[in-house]
Amino acid sequence: MIIVGIILVVVSKVLILKSLFDQSAYESCIANNHGNAALCASAPFPFFIYGWILTAAGAAVLIYGLKYVSLKDLR
């Protein structure tokens, strides 16, 4: 449970960083195509939101795992 929580948090942070890096490329594509979003890739902002949702889910799983998994099971 703890490992799953850590993996979710790491994946969510990668998703958030990717969306932040893609934002500038998306904005320049929109500017170069005179606002025609159909010619550009999908907007990175929804992935930014999905990343934060995954962060919250990963944190919840991690807290649940730390709270309810006994230390004897971790040895």
C-alpha atoms as a PDB file:
ATOM      1  CA  MET A   1       0.000   0.000   0.000  1.00  0.00           C
ATOM      2  CA  ILE A   2       2.832   2.345   0.860  1.00  0.00           C
ATOM      3  CA  ILE A   3       4.688   1.565  -2.365  1.00  0.00           C
ATOM      4  CA  VAL A   4       1.521   2.199  -4.407  1.00  0.00           C
ATOM      5  CA  GLY A   5       1.075   5.589  -2.718  1.00  0.00           C
ATOM      6  CA  ILE A   6       4.665   6.558  -3.462  1.00  0.00           C
ATOM      7  CA  ILE A   7       4.325   5.456  -7.092  1.00  0.00           C
ATOM      8  CA  LEU A   8       1.113   7.475  -7.507  1.00  0.00           C
ATOM      9  CA  VAL A   9       2.744  10.605  -6.105  1.00  0.00           C
ATOM     10  CA  VAL A  10       5.835  10.229  -8.313  1.00  0.00           C
ATOM     11  CA  VAL A  11       3.753   9.612 -11.450  1.00  0.00           C
ATOM     12  CA  SER A  12       1.579  12.617 -10.653  1.00  0.00           C
ATOM     13  CA  LYS A  13       4.600  14.873 -10.261  1.00  0.00           C
ATOM     14  CA  VAL A  14       5.983  13.693 -13.607  1.00  0.00           C
ATOM     15  CA  LEU A  15       2.600  14.464 -15.188  1.00  0.00           C
ATOM     16  CA  ILE A  16       2.554  17.945 -13.636  1.00  0.00           C
ATOM     17  CA  LEU A  17       6.105  18.717 -14.775  1.00  0.00           C
ATOM     18  CA  LYS A  18       5.351  17.475 -18.292  1.00  0.00           C
ATOM     19  CA  SER A  19       2.284  19.719 -18.476  1.00  0.00           C
ATOM     20  CA  LEU A  20       4.333  22.714 -17.335  1.00  0.00           C
ATOM     21  CA  PHE A  21       6.998  22.059 -19.982  1.00  0.00           C
ATOM     22  CA  ASP A  22       4.361  21.536 -22.685  1.00  0.00           C
ATOM     23  CA  GLN A  23       2.553  24.782 -21.819  1.00  0.00           C
ATOM     24  CA  SER A  24       5.107  27.042 -23.523  1.00  0.00           C
ATOM     25  CA  ALA A  25       5.167  24.886 -26.666  1.00  0.00           C
ATOM     26  CA  TYR A  26       1.369  24.923 -26.773  1.00  0.00           C
ATOM     27  CA  GLU A  27       1.231  28.709 -26.357  1.00  0.00           C
ATOM     28  CA  SER A  28       3.766  29.274 -29.133  1.00  0.00           C
ATOM     29  CA  CYS A  29       1.855  26.892 -31.418  1.00  0.00           C
ATOM     30  CA  ILE A  30      -1.356  28.842 -30.767  1.00  0.00           C
ATOM     31  CA  ALA A  31       0.448  32.130 -31.452  1.00  0.00           C
ATOM     32  CA  ASN A  32       2.035  30.858 -34.678  1.00  0.00           C
ATOM     33  CA  ASN A  33      -1.250  29.460 -35.989  1.00  0.00           C
ATOM     34  CA  HIS A  34      -3.239  32.595 -35.165  1.00  0.00           C
ATOM     35  CA  GLY A  35      -5.248  30.978 -32.388  1.00  0.00           C
ATOM     36  CA  ASN A  36      -6.202  27.822 -34.279  1.00  0.00           C
ATOM     37  CA  ALA A  37      -6.026  25.213 -31.511  1.00  0.00           C
ATOM     38  CA  ALA A  38      -7.019  22.391 -33.871  1.00  0.00           C
ATOM     39  CA  LEU A  39      -3.534  22.451 -35.410  1.00  0.00           C
ATOM     40  CA  CYS A  40      -1.807  22.111 -32.035  1.00  0.00           C
ATOM     41  CA  ALA A  41      -1.615  19.214 -29.613  1.00  0.00           C
ATOM     42  CA  SER A  42      -4.091  18.954 -26.769  1.00  0.00           C
ATOM     43  CA  ALA A  43      -3.942  21.651 -24.121  1.00  0.00           C
ATOM     44  CA  PRO A  44      -1.654  20.719 -21.230  1.00  0.00           C
ATOM     45  CA  PHE A  45      -3.803  22.336 -18.516  1.00  0.00           C
ATOM     46  CA  PRO A  46      -6.135  19.326 -18.012  1.00  0.00           C
ATOM     47  CA  PHE A  47      -3.073  17.139 -17.457  1.00  0.00           C
ATOM     48  CA  PHE A  48      -1.926  19.619 -14.809  1.00  0.00           C
ATOM     49  CA  ILE A  49      -5.270  19.163 -13.021  1.00  0.00           C
ATOM     50  CA  TYR A  50      -5.133  15.367 -13.439  1.00  0.00           C
ATOM     51  CA  GLY A  51      -1.666  15.435 -11.903  1.00  0.00           C
ATOM     52  CA  TRP A  52      -2.906  17.218  -8.796  1.00  0.00           C
ATOM     53  CA  ILE A  53      -5.825  14.805  -8.483  1.00  0.00           C
ATOM     54  CA  LEU A  54      -3.359  11.915  -8.679  1.00  0.00           C
ATOM     55  CA  THR A  55      -1.197  13.638  -6.063  1.00  0.00           C
ATOM     56  CA  ALA A  56      -4.129  13.818  -3.669  1.00  0.00           C
ATOM     57  CA  ALA A  57      -5.040  10.187  -4.348  1.00  0.00           C
ATOM     58  CA  GLY A  58      -1.450   9.057  -3.872  1.00  0.00           C
ATOM     59  CA  ALA A  59      -1.158  10.994  -0.634  1.00  0.00           C
ATOM     60  CA  ALA A  60      -4.396   9.450   0.636  1.00  0.00           C
ATOM     61  CA  VAL A  61      -3.199   5.934  -0.220  1.00  0.00           C
ATOM     62  CA  LEU A  62       0.171   6.652   1.378  1.00  0.00           C
ATOM     63  CA  ILE A  63      -1.405   7.972   4.584  1.00  0.00           C
ATOM     64  CA  TYR A  64      -3.790   5.019   4.696  1.00  0.00           C
ATOM     65  CA  GLY A  65      -0.898   2.639   4.211  1.00  0.00           C
ATOM     66  CA  LEU A  66       1.204   4.287   6.890  1.00  0.00           C
ATOM     67  CA  LYS A  67      -1.674   4.438   9.328  1.00  0.00           C
ATOM     68  CA  TYR A  68      -3.128   0.950   8.945  1.00  0.00           C
ATOM     69  CA  VAL A  69      -0.204  -1.245   7.960  1.00  0.00           C
ATOM     70  CA  SER A  70       1.518  -2.468  11.090  1.00  0.00           C
ATOM     71  CA  LEU A  71       5.246  -2.055  11.417  1.00  0.00           C
ATOM     72  CA  LYS A  72       5.593  -5.803  11.884  1.00  0.00           C
ATOM     73  CA  ASP A  73       4.360  -6.308   8.314  1.00  0.00           C
ATOM     74  CA  LEU A  74       7.042  -3.984   6.961  1.00  0.00           C
ATOM     75  CA  ARG A  75       9.949  -6.075   8.306  1.00  0.00           C
END
